[in-house]
């Protein structure tokens, strides 16, 4: 099993145990691949949910640019819901897991079709 497969398995565990959802492994794999080399970098692989600038980056680079959503207050609301689902006190909120949940939240799975 390669490093990426190990990370995908770890992300699936987080979705099951910390977020209470059964992951769509095909979509999770595609979202993880879409994150590129960031998944291998300790800092870039997680979302610092307490930093407003980090949440803005998720909104601008992922929701607006990648998923093609129009900018609006509902984007930050969705990010907040995802962070809450993951657990505000959870130290490592993996970027791929956050992106996966946002993709599901907005029903944008077709972006990864």
PDB file of N, CA and C in Angstrom:
ATOM      1  N   UNK A   1       0.850  -1.179   0.000  1.00  0.00           N
ATOM      2  CA  UNK A   1       0.000   0.000   0.000  1.00  0.00           C
ATOM      3  C   UNK A   1       0.895   1.240   0.000  1.00  0.00           C
ATOM      4  N   UNK A   2       0.634   2.146  -0.938  1.00  0.00           N
ATOM      5  CA  UNK A   2       1.439   3.356  -1.046  1.00  0.00           C
ATOM      6  C   UNK A   2       1.063   4.386  -0.004  1.00  0.00           C
ATOM      7  N   UNK A   3       1.854   5.417   0.064  1.00  0.00           N
ATOM      8  CA  UNK A   3       1.637   6.478   1.053  1.00  0.00           C
ATOM      9  C   UNK A   3       0.275   7.150   0.866  1.00  0.00           C
ATOM     10  N   UNK A   4      -0.080   7.415  -0.405  1.00  0.00           N
ATOM     11  CA  UNK A   4      -1.371   8.062  -0.659  1.00  0.00           C
ATOM     12  C   UNK A   4      -2.523   7.167  -0.204  1.00  0.00           C
ATOM     13  N   UNK A   5      -2.415   5.856  -0.455  1.00  0.00           N
ATOM     14  CA  UNK A   5      -3.474   4.926  -0.031  1.00  0.00           C
ATOM     15  C   UNK A   5      -3.603   4.900   1.488  1.00  0.00           C
ATOM     16  N   UNK A   6      -2.463   4.994   2.184  1.00  0.00           N
ATOM     17  CA  UNK A   6      -2.486   5.022   3.647  1.00  0.00           C
ATOM     18  C   UNK A   6      -3.207   6.276   4.142  1.00  0.00           C
ATOM     19  N   UNK A   7      -2.927   7.409   3.484  1.00  0.00           N
ATOM     20  CA  UNK A   7      -3.578   8.664   3.869  1.00  0.00           C
ATOM     21  C   UNK A   7      -5.074   8.600   3.599  1.00  0.00           C
ATOM     22  N   UNK A   8      -5.463   8.039   2.455  1.00  0.00           N
ATOM     23  CA  UNK A   8      -6.886   7.918   2.120  1.00  0.00           C
ATOM     24  C   UNK A   8      -7.593   7.064   3.175  1.00  0.00           C
ATOM     25  N   UNK A   9      -6.938   5.991   3.615  1.00  0.00           N
ATOM     26  CA  UNK A   9      -7.515   5.131   4.661  1.00  0.00           C
ATOM     27  C   UNK A   9      -7.674   5.914   5.966  1.00  0.00           C
ATOM     28  N   UNK A  10      -6.668   6.754   6.278  1.00  0.00           N
ATOM     29  CA  UNK A  10      -6.734   7.586   7.492  1.00  0.00           C
ATOM     30  C   UNK A  10      -7.885   8.596   7.374  1.00  0.00           C
ATOM     31  N   UNK A  11      -8.050   9.182   6.196  1.00  0.00           N
ATOM     32  CA  UNK A  11      -9.132  10.150   5.984  1.00  0.00           C
ATOM     33  C   UNK A  11     -10.496   9.455   6.117  1.00  0.00           C
ATOM     34  N   UNK A  12     -10.604   8.236   5.588  1.00  0.00           N
ATOM     35  CA  UNK A  12     -11.858   7.480   5.681  1.00  0.00           C
ATOM     36  C   UNK A  12     -12.188   7.192   7.152  1.00  0.00           C
ATOM     37  N   UNK A  13     -11.170   6.862   7.939  1.00  0.00           N
ATOM     38  CA  UNK A  13     -11.358   6.633   9.377  1.00  0.00           C
ATOM     39  C   UNK A  13     -11.906   7.885  10.057  1.00  0.00           C
ATOM     40  N   UNK A  14     -11.311   9.043   9.727  1.00  0.00           N
ATOM     41  CA  UNK A  14     -11.782  10.309  10.305  1.00  0.00           C
ATOM     42  C   UNK A  14     -13.248  10.547   9.945  1.00  0.00           C
ATOM     43  N   UNK A  15     -13.601  10.307   8.687  1.00  0.00           N
ATOM     44  CA  UNK A  15     -14.988  10.528   8.261  1.00  0.00           C
ATOM     45  C   UNK A  15     -15.940   9.624   9.042  1.00  0.00           C
ATOM     46  N   UNK A  16     -15.544   8.375   9.255  1.00  0.00           N
ATOM     47  CA  UNK A  16     -16.394   7.433   9.991  1.00  0.00           C
ATOM     48  C   UNK A  16     -16.454   7.770  11.479  1.00  0.00           C
ATOM     49  N   UNK A  17     -15.293   7.879  12.102  1.00  0.00           N
ATOM     50  CA  UNK A  17     -15.223   7.985  13.559  1.00  0.00           C
ATOM     51  C   UNK A  17     -15.421   9.386  14.111  1.00  0.00           C
ATOM     52  N   UNK A  18     -14.938  10.397  13.415  1.00  0.00           N
ATOM     53  CA  UNK A  18     -15.021  11.765  13.940  1.00  0.00           C
ATOM     54  C   UNK A  18     -16.184  12.552  13.351  1.00  0.00           C
ATOM     55  N   UNK A  19     -16.578  12.204  12.135  1.00  0.00           N
ATOM     56  CA  UNK A  19     -17.627  12.973  11.460  1.00  0.00           C
ATOM     57  C   UNK A  19     -18.946  12.212  11.355  1.00  0.00           C
ATOM     58  N   UNK A  20     -18.908  10.917  11.688  1.00  0.00           N
ATOM     59  CA  UNK A  20     -20.130  10.119  11.669  1.00  0.00           C
ATOM     60  C   UNK A  20     -20.730   9.921  10.306  1.00  0.00           C
ATOM     61  N   UNK A  21     -19.882   9.821   9.267  1.00  0.00           N
ATOM     62  CA  UNK A  21     -20.413   9.580   7.921  1.00  0.00           C
ATOM     63  C   UNK A  21     -19.656   8.444   7.252  1.00  0.00           C
ATOM     64  N   UNK A  22     -20.374   7.729   6.405  1.00  0.00           N
ATOM     65  CA  UNK A  22     -19.773   6.627   5.652  1.00  0.00           C
ATOM     66  C   UNK A  22     -19.192   7.228   4.372  1.00  0.00           C
ATOM     67  N   UNK A  23     -17.871   7.144   4.202  1.00  0.00           N
ATOM     68  CA  UNK A  23     -17.260   7.796   3.040  1.00  0.00           C
ATOM     69  C   UNK A  23     -17.513   7.079   1.721  1.00  0.00           C
ATOM     70  N   UNK A  24     -17.696   7.862   0.692  1.00  0.00           N
ATOM     71  CA  UNK A  24     -17.732   7.374  -0.691  1.00  0.00           C
ATOM     72  C   UNK A  24     -16.253   7.300  -1.089  1.00  0.00           C
ATOM     73  N   UNK A  25     -15.702   6.090  -1.077  1.00  0.00           N
ATOM     74  CA  UNK A  25     -14.256   5.930  -1.250  1.00  0.00           C
ATOM     75  C   UNK A  25     -13.758   6.438  -2.605  1.00  0.00           C
ATOM     76  N   UNK A  26     -14.579   6.296  -3.641  1.00  0.00           N
ATOM     77  CA  UNK A  26     -14.188   6.773  -4.964  1.00  0.00           C
ATOM     78  C   UNK A  26     -14.040   8.292  -4.951  1.00  0.00           C
ATOM     79  N   UNK A  27     -15.040   8.976  -4.378  1.00  0.00           N
ATOM     80  CA  UNK A  27     -14.986  10.439  -4.293  1.00  0.00           C
ATOM     81  C   UNK A  27     -13.847  10.883  -3.379  1.00  0.00           C
ATOM     82  N   UNK A  28     -13.684  10.212  -2.234  1.00  0.00           N
ATOM     83  CA  UNK A  28     -12.613  10.570  -1.307  1.00  0.00           C
ATOM     84  C   UNK A  28     -11.247  10.457  -1.986  1.00  0.00           C
ATOM     85  N   UNK A  29     -11.068   9.414  -2.768  1.00  0.00           N
ATOM     86  CA  UNK A  29      -9.809   9.221  -3.503  1.00  0.00           C
ATOM     87  C   UNK A  29      -9.592  10.365  -4.483  1.00  0.00           C
ATOM     88  N   UNK A  30     -10.626  10.736  -5.224  1.00  0.00           N
ATOM     89  CA  UNK A  30     -10.508  11.819  -6.212  1.00  0.00           C
ATOM     90  C   UNK A  30     -10.230  13.164  -5.549  1.00  0.00           C
ATOM     91  N   UNK A  31     -10.904  13.429  -4.427  1.00  0.00           N
ATOM     92  CA  UNK A  31     -10.676  14.687  -3.704  1.00  0.00           C
ATOM     93  C   UNK A  31      -9.236  14.718  -3.184  1.00  0.00           C
ATOM     94  N   UNK A  32      -8.774  13.591  -2.647  1.00  0.00           N
ATOM     95  CA  UNK A  32      -7.405  13.506  -2.118  1.00  0.00           C
ATOM     96  C   UNK A  32      -6.391  13.753  -3.231  1.00  0.00           C
ATOM     97  N   UNK A  33      -6.582  13.134  -4.371  1.00  0.00           N
ATOM     98  CA  UNK A  33      -5.682  13.340  -5.512  1.00  0.00           C
ATOM     99  C   UNK A  33      -5.722  14.805  -5.942  1.00  0.00           C
ATOM    100  N   UNK A  34      -6.914  15.401  -5.881  1.00  0.00           N
ATOM    101  CA  UNK A  34      -7.077  16.808  -6.246  1.00  0.00           C
ATOM    102  C   UNK A  34      -6.317  17.765  -5.333  1.00  0.00           C
ATOM    103  N   UNK A  35      -6.035  17.326  -4.112  1.00  0.00           N
ATOM    104  CA  UNK A  35      -5.261  18.163  -3.175  1.00  0.00           C
ATOM    105  C   UNK A  35      -3.782  18.215  -3.568  1.00  0.00           C
ATOM    106  N   UNK A  36      -3.370  17.290  -4.411  1.00  0.00           N
ATOM    107  CA  UNK A  36      -1.985  17.288  -4.886  1.00  0.00           C
ATOM    108  C   UNK A  36      -0.982  16.998  -3.789  1.00  0.00           C
ATOM    109  N   UNK A  37       0.226  17.528  -3.951  1.00  0.00           N
ATOM    110  CA  UNK A  37       1.297  17.228  -2.990  1.00  0.00           C
ATOM    111  C   UNK A  37       1.063  17.794  -1.588  1.00  0.00           C
ATOM    112  N   UNK A  38       0.063  18.648  -1.426  1.00  0.00           N
ATOM    113  CA  UNK A  38      -0.224  19.229  -0.100  1.00  0.00           C
ATOM    114  C   UNK A  38      -0.489  18.150   0.942  1.00  0.00           C
ATOM    115  N   UNK A  39      -1.027  17.000   0.523  1.00  0.00           N
ATOM    116  CA  UNK A  39      -1.369  15.949   1.497  1.00  0.00           C
ATOM    117  C   UNK A  39      -0.141  15.367   2.184  1.00  0.00           C
ATOM    118  N   UNK A  40       1.044  15.543   1.569  1.00  0.00           N
ATOM    119  CA  UNK A  40       2.270  14.987   2.144  1.00  0.00           C
ATOM    120  C   UNK A  40       3.003  15.971   3.055  1.00  0.00           C
ATOM    121  N   UNK A  41       2.541  17.210   3.084  1.00  0.00           N
ATOM    122  CA  UNK A  41       3.179  18.245   3.891  1.00  0.00           C
ATOM    123  C   UNK A  41       2.397  18.409   5.192  1.00  0.00           C
ATOM    124  N   UNK A  42       3.087  18.280   6.315  1.00  0.00           N
ATOM    125  CA  UNK A  42       2.419  18.313   7.620  1.00  0.00           C
ATOM    126  C   UNK A  42       1.550  19.554   7.801  1.00  0.00           C
ATOM    127  N   UNK A  43       2.052  20.708   7.399  1.00  0.00           N
ATOM    128  CA  UNK A  43       1.300  21.950   7.588  1.00  0.00           C
ATOM    129  C   UNK A  43       0.173  22.079   6.561  1.00  0.00           C
ATOM    130  N   UNK A  44       0.482  21.850   5.303  1.00  0.00           N
ATOM    131  CA  UNK A  44      -0.494  22.043   4.231  1.00  0.00           C
ATOM    132  C   UNK A  44      -1.595  20.985   4.228  1.00  0.00           C
ATOM    133  N   UNK A  45      -1.337  19.829   4.831  1.00  0.00           N
ATOM    134  CA  UNK A  45      -2.321  18.743   4.787  1.00  0.00           C
ATOM    135  C   UNK A  45      -3.492  18.963   5.740  1.00  0.00           C
ATOM    136  N   UNK A  46      -3.362  19.945   6.630  1.00  0.00           N
ATOM    137  CA  UNK A  46      -4.444  20.221   7.573  1.00  0.00           C
ATOM    138  C   UNK A  46      -4.988  21.637   7.378  1.00  0.00           C
ATOM    139  N   UNK A  47      -6.185  21.848   7.875  1.00  0.00           N
ATOM    140  CA  UNK A  47      -6.820  23.159   7.820  1.00  0.00           C
ATOM    141  C   UNK A  47      -6.785  23.746   9.232  1.00  0.00           C
ATOM    142  N   UNK A  48      -6.153  24.906   9.364  1.00  0.00           N
ATOM    143  CA  UNK A  48      -6.096  25.599  10.661  1.00  0.00           C
ATOM    144  C   UNK A  48      -7.405  26.362  10.825  1.00  0.00           C
ATOM    145  N   UNK A  49      -8.380  25.698  11.419  1.00  0.00           N
ATOM    146  CA  UNK A  49      -9.736  26.257  11.468  1.00  0.00           C
ATOM    147  C   UNK A  49      -9.866  27.485  12.353  1.00  0.00           C
ATOM    148  N   UNK A  50      -8.862  27.742  13.194  1.00  0.00           N
ATOM    149  CA  UNK A  50      -8.944  28.916  14.056  1.00  0.00           C
ATOM    150  C   UNK A  50      -8.389  30.166  13.369  1.00  0.00           C
ATOM    151  N   UNK A  51      -7.808  29.995  12.186  1.00  0.00           N
ATOM    152  CA  UNK A  51      -7.244  31.140  11.454  1.00  0.00           C
ATOM    153  C   UNK A  51      -8.208  31.578  10.357  1.00  0.00           C
ATOM    154  N   UNK A  52      -8.704  32.791  10.493  1.00  0.00           N
ATOM    155  CA  UNK A  52      -9.651  33.329   9.519  1.00  0.00           C
ATOM    156  C   UNK A  52      -9.067  33.320   8.103  1.00  0.00           C
ATOM    157  N   UNK A  53      -7.770  33.634   7.984  1.00  0.00           N
ATOM    158  CA  UNK A  53      -7.132  33.672   6.659  1.00  0.00           C
ATOM    159  C   UNK A  53      -7.119  32.286   6.012  1.00  0.00           C
ATOM    160  N   UNK A  54      -6.970  31.251   6.817  1.00  0.00           N
ATOM    161  CA  UNK A  54      -6.979  29.880   6.303  1.00  0.00           C
ATOM    162  C   UNK A  54      -8.368  29.516   5.777  1.00  0.00           C
ATOM    163  N   UNK A  55      -9.396  29.922   6.493  1.00  0.00           N
ATOM    164  CA  UNK A  55     -10.765  29.647   6.064  1.00  0.00           C
ATOM    165  C   UNK A  55     -11.102  30.421   4.789  1.00  0.00           C
ATOM    166  N   UNK A  56     -10.583  31.631   4.682  1.00  0.00           N
ATOM    167  CA  UNK A  56     -10.759  32.423   3.446  1.00  0.00           C
ATOM    168  C   UNK A  56     -10.097  31.715   2.265  1.00  0.00           C
ATOM    169  N   UNK A  57      -8.915  31.129   2.505  1.00  0.00           N
ATOM    170  CA  UNK A  57      -8.201  30.404   1.460  1.00  0.00           C
ATOM    171  C   UNK A  57      -9.012  29.193   0.999  1.00  0.00           C
ATOM    172  N   UNK A  58      -9.584  28.463   1.951  1.00  0.00           N
ATOM    173  CA  UNK A  58     -10.427  27.313   1.602  1.00  0.00           C
ATOM    174  C   UNK A  58     -11.598  27.794   0.741  1.00  0.00           C
ATOM    175  N   UNK A  59     -12.210  28.889   1.174  1.00  0.00           N
ATOM    176  CA  UNK A  59     -13.360  29.434   0.437  1.00  0.00           C
ATOM    177  C   UNK A  59     -12.960  29.852  -0.983  1.00  0.00           C
ATOM    178  N   UNK A  60     -11.898  30.663  -1.079  1.00  0.00           N
ATOM    179  CA  UNK A  60     -11.504  31.203  -2.389  1.00  0.00           C
ATOM    180  C   UNK A  60     -10.928  30.143  -3.322  1.00  0.00           C
ATOM    181  N   UNK A  61      -9.980  29.362  -2.820  1.00  0.00           N
ATOM    182  CA  UNK A  61      -9.284  28.418  -3.686  1.00  0.00           C
ATOM    183  C   UNK A  61     -10.050  27.129  -3.944  1.00  0.00           C
ATOM    184  N   UNK A  62     -10.844  26.700  -2.973  1.00  0.00           N
ATOM    185  CA  UNK A  62     -11.557  25.444  -3.184  1.00  0.00           C
ATOM    186  C   UNK A  62     -13.010  25.667  -3.617  1.00  0.00           C
ATOM    187  N   UNK A  63     -13.773  26.364  -2.793  1.00  0.00           N
ATOM    188  CA  UNK A  63     -15.201  26.507  -3.093  1.00  0.00           C
ATOM    189  C   UNK A  63     -15.455  27.338  -4.344  1.00  0.00           C
ATOM    190  N   UNK A  64     -14.753  28.464  -4.478  1.00  0.00           N
ATOM    191  CA  UNK A  64     -15.008  29.346  -5.620  1.00  0.00           C
ATOM    192  C   UNK A  64     -14.271  28.848  -6.874  1.00  0.00           C
ATOM    193  N   UNK A  65     -12.952  28.636  -6.758  1.00  0.00           N
ATOM    194  CA  UNK A  65     -12.181  28.249  -7.942  1.00  0.00           C
ATOM    195  C   UNK A  65     -12.404  26.801  -8.365  1.00  0.00           C
ATOM    196  N   UNK A  66     -12.315  25.852  -7.429  1.00  0.00           N
ATOM    197  CA  UNK A  66     -12.413  24.432  -7.785  1.00  0.00           C
ATOM    198  C   UNK A  66     -13.855  23.995  -8.014  1.00  0.00           C
ATOM    199  N   UNK A  67     -14.740  24.302  -7.060  1.00  0.00           N
ATOM    200  CA  UNK A  67     -16.126  23.846  -7.196  1.00  0.00           C
ATOM    201  C   UNK A  67     -16.995  24.794  -8.025  1.00  0.00           C
ATOM    202  N   UNK A  68     -16.486  26.003  -8.287  1.00  0.00           N
ATOM    203  CA  UNK A  68     -17.211  26.935  -9.149  1.00  0.00           C
ATOM    204  C   UNK A  68     -18.427  27.570  -8.498  1.00  0.00           C
ATOM    205  N   UNK A  69     -18.405  27.707  -7.180  1.00  0.00           N
ATOM    206  CA  UNK A  69     -19.531  28.315  -6.475  1.00  0.00           C
ATOM    207  C   UNK A  69     -19.399  29.838  -6.454  1.00  0.00           C
ATOM    208  N   UNK A  70     -20.533  30.510  -6.428  1.00  0.00           N
ATOM    209  CA  UNK A  70     -20.519  31.966  -6.335  1.00  0.00           C
ATOM    210  C   UNK A  70     -20.209  32.365  -4.892  1.00  0.00           C
ATOM    211  N   UNK A  71     -19.347  33.359  -4.730  1.00  0.00           N
ATOM    212  CA  UNK A  71     -18.963  33.811  -3.396  1.00  0.00           C
ATOM    213  C   UNK A  71     -20.172  34.412  -2.686  1.00  0.00           C
ATOM    214  N   UNK A  72     -20.325  34.045  -1.437  1.00  0.00           N
ATOM    215  CA  UNK A  72     -21.422  34.571  -0.631  1.00  0.00           C
ATOM    216  C   UNK A  72     -21.282  34.070   0.794  1.00  0.00           C
ATOM    217  N   UNK A  73     -22.081  34.619   1.712  1.00  0.00           N
ATOM    218  CA  UNK A  73     -21.962  34.243   3.129  1.00  0.00           C
ATOM    219  C   UNK A  73     -22.237  32.756   3.384  1.00  0.00           C
ATOM    220  N   UNK A  74     -23.013  32.119   2.500  1.00  0.00           N
ATOM    221  CA  UNK A  74     -23.326  30.696   2.702  1.00  0.00           C
ATOM    222  C   UNK A  74     -22.077  29.816   2.589  1.00  0.00           C
ATOM    223  N   UNK A  75     -21.045  30.305   1.898  1.00  0.00           N
ATOM    224  CA  UNK A  75     -19.809  29.516   1.781  1.00  0.00           C
ATOM    225  C   UNK A  75     -19.114  29.406   3.130  1.00  0.00           C
ATOM    226  N   UNK A  76     -18.980  30.534   3.831  1.00  0.00           N
ATOM    227  CA  UNK A  76     -18.353  30.503   5.149  1.00  0.00           C
ATOM    228  C   UNK A  76     -19.227  29.744   6.147  1.00  0.00           C
ATOM    229  N   UNK A  77     -20.551  29.837   5.984  1.00  0.00           N
ATOM    230  CA  UNK A  77     -21.462  29.078   6.847  1.00  0.00           C
ATOM    231  C   UNK A  77     -21.210  27.582   6.683  1.00  0.00           C
ATOM    232  N   UNK A  78     -21.048  27.151   5.433  1.00  0.00           N
ATOM    233  CA  UNK A  78     -20.805  25.731   5.146  1.00  0.00           C
ATOM    234  C   UNK A  78     -19.464  25.286   5.727  1.00  0.00           C
ATOM    235  N   UNK A  79     -18.444  26.113   5.589  1.00  0.00           N
ATOM    236  CA  UNK A  79     -17.129  25.786   6.159  1.00  0.00           C
ATOM    237  C   UNK A  79     -17.272  25.635   7.672  1.00  0.00           C
ATOM    238  N   UNK A  80     -18.004  26.547   8.292  1.00  0.00           N
ATOM    239  CA  UNK A  80     -18.237  26.484   9.734  1.00  0.00           C
ATOM    240  C   UNK A  80     -18.939  25.196  10.143  1.00  0.00           C
ATOM    241  N   UNK A  81     -19.948  24.780   9.364  1.00  0.00           N
ATOM    242  CA  UNK A  81     -20.676  23.542   9.660  1.00  0.00           C
ATOM    243  C   UNK A  81     -19.745  22.338   9.560  1.00  0.00           C
ATOM    244  N   UNK A  82     -18.910  22.328   8.524  1.00  0.00           N
ATOM    245  CA  UNK A  82     -17.969  21.218   8.328  1.00  0.00           C
ATOM    246  C   UNK A  82     -16.975  21.150   9.492  1.00  0.00           C
ATOM    247  N   UNK A  83     -16.457  22.299   9.900  1.00  0.00           N
ATOM    248  CA  UNK A  83     -15.504  22.347  11.021  1.00  0.00           C
ATOM    249  C   UNK A  83     -16.199  21.838  12.291  1.00  0.00           C
ATOM    250  N   UNK A  84     -17.460  22.241  12.472  1.00  0.00           N
ATOM    251  CA  UNK A  84     -18.223  21.804  13.643  1.00  0.00           C
ATOM    252  C   UNK A  84     -18.442  20.289  13.619  1.00  0.00           C
ATOM    253  N   UNK A  85     -18.768  19.751  12.439  1.00  0.00           N
ATOM    254  CA  UNK A  85     -18.967  18.310  12.289  1.00  0.00           C
ATOM    255  C   UNK A  85     -17.671  17.560  12.594  1.00  0.00           C
ATOM    256  N   UNK A  86     -16.567  18.084  12.084  1.00  0.00           N
ATOM    257  CA  UNK A  86     -15.254  17.443  12.293  1.00  0.00           C
ATOM    258  C   UNK A  86     -14.868  17.496  13.774  1.00  0.00           C
ATOM    259  N   UNK A  87     -15.304  18.552  14.446  1.00  0.00           N
ATOM    260  CA  UNK A  87     -14.990  18.726  15.863  1.00  0.00           C
ATOM    261  C   UNK A  87     -14.041  19.891  16.038  1.00  0.00           C
ATOM    262  N   UNK A  88     -14.565  20.984  16.584  1.00  0.00           N
ATOM    263  CA  UNK A  88     -13.770  22.209  16.764  1.00  0.00           C
ATOM    264  C   UNK A  88     -12.476  21.928  17.518  1.00  0.00           C
ATOM    265  N   UNK A  89     -12.535  21.004  18.470  1.00  0.00           N
ATOM    266  CA  UNK A  89     -11.350  20.729  19.282  1.00  0.00           C
ATOM    267  C   UNK A  89     -10.402  19.726  18.625  1.00  0.00           C
ATOM    268  N   UNK A  90     -10.828  19.136  17.503  1.00  0.00           N
ATOM    269  CA  UNK A  90      -9.975  18.179  16.796  1.00  0.00           C
ATOM    270  C   UNK A  90      -8.765  18.918  16.241  1.00  0.00           C
ATOM    271  N   UNK A  91      -7.590  18.514  16.684  1.00  0.00           N
ATOM    272  CA  UNK A  91      -6.384  19.233  16.305  1.00  0.00           C
ATOM    273  C   UNK A  91      -6.053  19.112  14.812  1.00  0.00           C
ATOM    274  N   UNK A  92      -6.095  17.908  14.293  1.00  0.00           N
ATOM    275  CA  UNK A  92      -5.765  17.702  12.873  1.00  0.00           C
ATOM    276  C   UNK A  92      -7.033  17.549  12.041  1.00  0.00           C
ATOM    277  N   UNK A  93      -7.402  18.628  11.401  1.00  0.00           N
ATOM    278  CA  UNK A  93      -8.531  18.578  10.464  1.00  0.00           C
ATOM    279  C   UNK A  93      -7.907  18.470   9.078  1.00  0.00           C
ATOM    280  N   UNK A  94      -7.920  17.258   8.555  1.00  0.00           N
ATOM    281  CA  UNK A  94      -7.249  17.036   7.271  1.00  0.00           C
ATOM    282  C   UNK A  94      -7.967  17.743   6.130  1.00  0.00           C
ATOM    283  N   UNK A  95      -7.173  18.417   5.313  1.00  0.00           N
ATOM    284  CA  UNK A  95      -7.685  19.192   4.186  1.00  0.00           C
ATOM    285  C   UNK A  95      -8.569  18.332   3.278  1.00  0.00           C
ATOM    286  N   UNK A  96      -8.110  17.128   2.958  1.00  0.00           N
ATOM    287  CA  UNK A  96      -8.884  16.260   2.063  1.00  0.00           C
ATOM    288  C   UNK A  96     -10.247  15.922   2.655  1.00  0.00           C
ATOM    289  N   UNK A  97     -10.316  15.741   3.975  1.00  0.00           N
ATOM    290  CA  UNK A  97     -11.585  15.424   4.634  1.00  0.00           C
ATOM    291  C   UNK A  97     -12.504  16.641   4.599  1.00  0.00           C
ATOM    292  N   UNK A  98     -11.958  17.808   4.899  1.00  0.00           N
ATOM    293  CA  UNK A  98     -12.744  19.051   4.860  1.00  0.00           C
ATOM    294  C   UNK A  98     -13.265  19.285   3.436  1.00  0.00           C
ATOM    295  N   UNK A  99     -12.402  19.129   2.435  1.00  0.00           N
ATOM    296  CA  UNK A  99     -12.816  19.324   1.041  1.00  0.00           C
ATOM    297  C   UNK A  99     -13.874  18.305   0.633  1.00  0.00           C
ATOM    298  N   UNK A 100     -13.700  17.066   1.087  1.00  0.00           N
ATOM    299  CA  UNK A 100     -14.675  16.017   0.783  1.00  0.00           C
ATOM    300  C   UNK A 100     -16.047  16.403   1.340  1.00  0.00           C
ATOM    301  N   UNK A 101     -16.074  16.815   2.613  1.00  0.00           N
ATOM    302  CA  UNK A 101     -17.355  17.176   3.239  1.00  0.00           C
ATOM    303  C   UNK A 101     -17.984  18.391   2.563  1.00  0.00           C
ATOM    304  N   UNK A 102     -17.165  19.350   2.149  1.00  0.00           N
ATOM    305  CA  UNK A 102     -17.701  20.524   1.450  1.00  0.00           C
ATOM    306  C   UNK A 102     -18.255  20.123   0.078  1.00  0.00           C
ATOM    307  N   UNK A 103     -17.566  19.226  -0.597  1.00  0.00           N
ATOM    308  CA  UNK A 103     -18.036  18.743  -1.903  1.00  0.00           C
ATOM    309  C   UNK A 103     -19.406  18.084  -1.744  1.00  0.00           C
ATOM    310  N   UNK A 104     -19.544  17.242  -0.706  1.00  0.00           N
ATOM    311  CA  UNK A 104     -20.827  16.573  -0.441  1.00  0.00           C
ATOM    312  C   UNK A 104     -21.901  17.593  -0.035  1.00  0.00           C
ATOM    313  N   UNK A 105     -21.521  18.538   0.811  1.00  0.00           N
ATOM    314  CA  UNK A 105     -22.463  19.548   1.305  1.00  0.00           C
ATOM    315  C   UNK A 105     -23.111  20.307   0.143  1.00  0.00           C
ATOM    316  N   UNK A 106     -22.310  20.681  -0.838  1.00  0.00           N
ATOM    317  CA  UNK A 106     -22.830  21.465  -1.968  1.00  0.00           C
ATOM    318  C   UNK A 106     -23.297  20.589  -3.130  1.00  0.00           C
ATOM    319  N   UNK A 107     -23.205  19.264  -2.982  1.00  0.00           N
ATOM    320  CA  UNK A 107     -23.639  18.369  -4.057  1.00  0.00           C
ATOM    321  C   UNK A 107     -22.838  18.540  -5.330  1.00  0.00           C
ATOM    322  N   UNK A 108     -21.534  18.801  -5.177  1.00  0.00           N
ATOM    323  CA  UNK A 108     -20.670  19.075  -6.328  1.00  0.00           C
ATOM    324  C   UNK A 108     -19.794  17.875  -6.710  1.00  0.00           C
ATOM    325  N   UNK A 109     -20.255  16.666  -6.407  1.00  0.00           N
ATOM    326  CA  UNK A 109     -19.478  15.474  -6.733  1.00  0.00           C
ATOM    327  C   UNK A 109     -19.124  15.404  -8.218  1.00  0.00           C
ATOM    328  N   UNK A 110     -19.973  15.996  -9.064  1.00  0.00           N
ATOM    329  CA  UNK A 110     -19.738  15.950 -10.512  1.00  0.00           C
ATOM    330  C   UNK A 110     -18.435  16.641 -10.926  1.00  0.00           C
ATOM    331  N   UNK A 111     -17.938  17.559 -10.089  1.00  0.00           N
ATOM    332  CA  UNK A 111     -16.651  18.219 -10.377  1.00  0.00           C
ATOM    333  C   UNK A 111     -15.550  17.177 -10.471  1.00  0.00           C
ATOM    334  N   UNK A 112     -15.689  16.104  -9.695  1.00  0.00           N
ATOM    335  CA  UNK A 112     -14.697  15.041  -9.682  1.00  0.00           C
ATOM    336  C   UNK A 112     -15.089  13.860 -10.560  1.00  0.00           C
ATOM    337  N   UNK A 113     -16.159  14.055 -11.386  1.00  0.00           N
ATOM    338  CA  UNK A 113     -16.657  12.976 -12.228  1.00  0.00           C
ATOM    339  C   UNK A 113     -15.640  12.541 -13.200  1.00  0.00           C
TER     340      UNK A 113
END
